[in-house]
C-alpha atoms as a PDB file:
ATOM      1  CA  MET A   1      80.169  88.377 115.039  1.00  0.00           C
ATOM      2  CA  LEU A   2      83.946  87.993 115.063  1.00  0.00           C
ATOM      3  CA  ASP A   3      83.601  84.407 113.848  1.00  0.00           C
ATOM      4  CA  TYR A   4      81.508  85.622 110.922  1.00  0.00           C
ATOM      5  CA  ILE A   5      84.088  88.251 109.998  1.00  0.00           C
ATOM      6  CA  LEU A   6      86.984  85.821 110.273  1.00  0.00           C
ATOM      7  CA  SER A   7      85.148  83.263 108.163  1.00  0.00           C
ATOM      8  CA  ASN A   8      84.437  85.883 105.494  1.00  0.00           C
ATOM      9  CA  MET A   9      87.774  87.658 105.261  1.00  0.00           C
ATOM     10  CA  SER A  10      87.153  88.421 101.604  1.00  0.00           C
ATOM     11  CA  ILE A  11      84.668  91.070 102.757  1.00  0.00           C
ATOM     12  CA  VAL A  12      87.291  92.578 105.054  1.00  0.00           C
ATOM     13  CA  TRP A  13      89.885  92.694 102.266  1.00  0.00           C
ATOM     14  CA  VAL A  14      87.424  94.318  99.848  1.00  0.00           C
ATOM     15  CA  VAL A  15      86.500  96.947 102.438  1.00  0.00           C
ATOM     16  CA  LEU A  16      90.170  97.653 103.168  1.00  0.00           C
ATOM     17  CA  MET A  17      90.940  97.897  99.461  1.00  0.00           C
ATOM     18  CA  VAL A  18      88.100 100.375  98.938  1.00  0.00           C
ATOM     19  CA  VAL A  19      89.233 102.441 101.933  1.00  0.00           C
ATOM     20  CA  PHE A  20      92.806 102.559 100.635  1.00  0.00           C
ATOM     21  CA  LEU A  21      91.594 103.537  97.157  1.00  0.00           C
ATOM     22  CA  VAL A  22      89.345 106.291  98.548  1.00  0.00           C
ATOM     23  CA  VAL A  23      92.235 107.679 100.590  1.00  0.00           C
ATOM     24  CA  GLU A  24      94.412 107.436  97.488  1.00  0.00           C
ATOM     25  CA  ALA A  25      91.857 109.367  95.442  1.00  0.00           C
ATOM     26  CA  ALA A  26      91.541 112.041  98.131  1.00  0.00           C
ATOM     27  CA  THR A  27      95.264 112.771  98.336  1.00  0.00           C
ATOM     28  CA  ALA A  28      97.486 114.550  95.869  1.00  0.00           C
ATOM     29  CA  GLY A  29     100.344 112.032  95.798  1.00  0.00           C
ATOM     30  CA  LEU A  30     100.531 108.289  95.813  1.00  0.00           C
ATOM     31  CA  THR A  31     100.090 107.382  99.466  1.00  0.00           C
ATOM     32  CA  CYS A  32      98.028 104.204  99.774  1.00  0.00           C
ATOM     33  CA  ILE A  33      98.112 102.481  96.398  1.00  0.00           C
ATOM     34  CA  TRP A  34     100.619  99.923  97.672  1.00  0.00           C
ATOM     35  CA  PHE A  35      98.273  98.855 100.437  1.00  0.00           C
ATOM     36  CA  ALA A  36      95.360  98.612  98.016  1.00  0.00           C
ATOM     37  CA  ILE A  37      97.454  96.237  95.895  1.00  0.00           C
ATOM     38  CA  GLY A  38      98.350  94.276  99.027  1.00  0.00           C
ATOM     39  CA  SER A  39      94.659  94.068  99.918  1.00  0.00           C
ATOM     40  CA  LEU A  40      93.940  92.720  96.452  1.00  0.00           C
ATOM     41  CA  ALA A  41      96.580  90.024  96.926  1.00  0.00           C
ATOM     42  CA  ALA A  42      95.114  89.100 100.309  1.00  0.00           C
ATOM     43  CA  LEU A  43      91.625  89.043  98.784  1.00  0.00           C
ATOM     44  CA  ILE A  44      92.799  86.571  96.151  1.00  0.00           C
ATOM     45  CA  ALA A  45      94.325  84.430  98.896  1.00  0.00           C
ATOM     46  CA  ALA A  46      91.049  84.592 100.845  1.00  0.00           C
ATOM     47  CA  LEU A  47      89.077  83.527  97.776  1.00  0.00           C
ATOM     48  CA  PHE A  48      91.287  80.447  97.593  1.00  0.00           C
ATOM     49  CA  ASP A  49      90.488  79.727 101.269  1.00  0.00           C
ATOM     50  CA  ALA A  50      93.997  80.440 102.525  1.00  0.00           C
ATOM     51  CA  GLN A  51      94.607  80.588 106.259  1.00  0.00           C
ATOM     52  CA  LEU A  52      94.244  83.991 107.907  1.00  0.00           C
ATOM     53  CA  TRP A  53      97.958  84.178 108.738  1.00  0.00           C
ATOM     54  CA  LEU A  54      98.804  83.569 105.077  1.00  0.00           C
ATOM     55  CA  GLN A  55      96.408  86.296 103.948  1.00  0.00           C
ATOM     56  CA  ILE A  56      98.051  88.750 106.336  1.00  0.00           C
ATOM     57  CA  VAL A  57     101.517  87.709 105.172  1.00  0.00           C
ATOM     58  CA  TRP A  58     100.471  88.178 101.534  1.00  0.00           C
ATOM     59  CA  PHE A  59      99.090  91.622 102.372  1.00  0.00           C
ATOM     60  CA  LEU A  60     102.280  92.699 104.110  1.00  0.00           C
ATOM     61  CA  VAL A  61     104.712  91.178 101.615  1.00  0.00           C
ATOM     62  CA  ILE A  62     102.969  92.464  98.487  1.00  0.00           C
ATOM     63  CA  SER A  63     102.422  95.900 100.019  1.00  0.00           C
ATOM     64  CA  PHE A  64     106.033  96.339 101.029  1.00  0.00           C
ATOM     65  CA  VAL A  65     107.455  94.852  97.828  1.00  0.00           C
ATOM     66  CA  THR A  66     105.411  97.217  95.677  1.00  0.00           C
ATOM     67  CA  LEU A  67     106.311 100.088  98.008  1.00  0.00           C
ATOM     68  CA  TYR A  68     110.002  99.223  97.837  1.00  0.00           C
ATOM     69  CA  PHE A  69     110.146  98.986  94.045  1.00  0.00           C
ATOM     70  CA  THR A  70     107.878 101.885  93.119  1.00  0.00           C
ATOM     71  CA  ARG A  71     108.617 104.449  95.821  1.00  0.00           C
ATOM     72  CA  PRO A  72     111.820 105.760  94.144  1.00  0.00           C
ATOM     73  CA  LEU A  73     109.904 106.267  90.884  1.00  0.00           C
ATOM     74  CA  VAL A  74     107.073 108.008  92.689  1.00  0.00           C
ATOM     75  CA  LYS A  75     109.473 110.321  94.489  1.00  0.00           C
ATOM     76  CA  LYS A  76     111.225 111.121  91.218  1.00  0.00           C
ATOM     77  CA  TYR A  77     108.250 111.669  88.902  1.00  0.00           C
ATOM     78  CA  VAL A  78     105.125 112.324  90.957  1.00  0.00           C
ATOM     79  CA  ASN A  79     106.281 114.247  94.006  1.00  0.00           C
ATOM     80  CA  SER A  80     108.749 116.522  92.237  1.00  0.00           C
END
């Protein structure tokens, strides 16, 4: 079962993206959108048959870069 999941990481990234988007929709402020974007980046990497470590790195890097650059704007305009 684990081999199947690891060989089809695109399914995992889609599920994670949907979970993050559902949590985002259920909350009042922007809380998980950065991780949904990171999941999308990892999904694209998975569709290009990237290694698992690279998919995880893409997820983390894109998530934290979007968080870093948009968090001040969110705090200023959305959560005020």
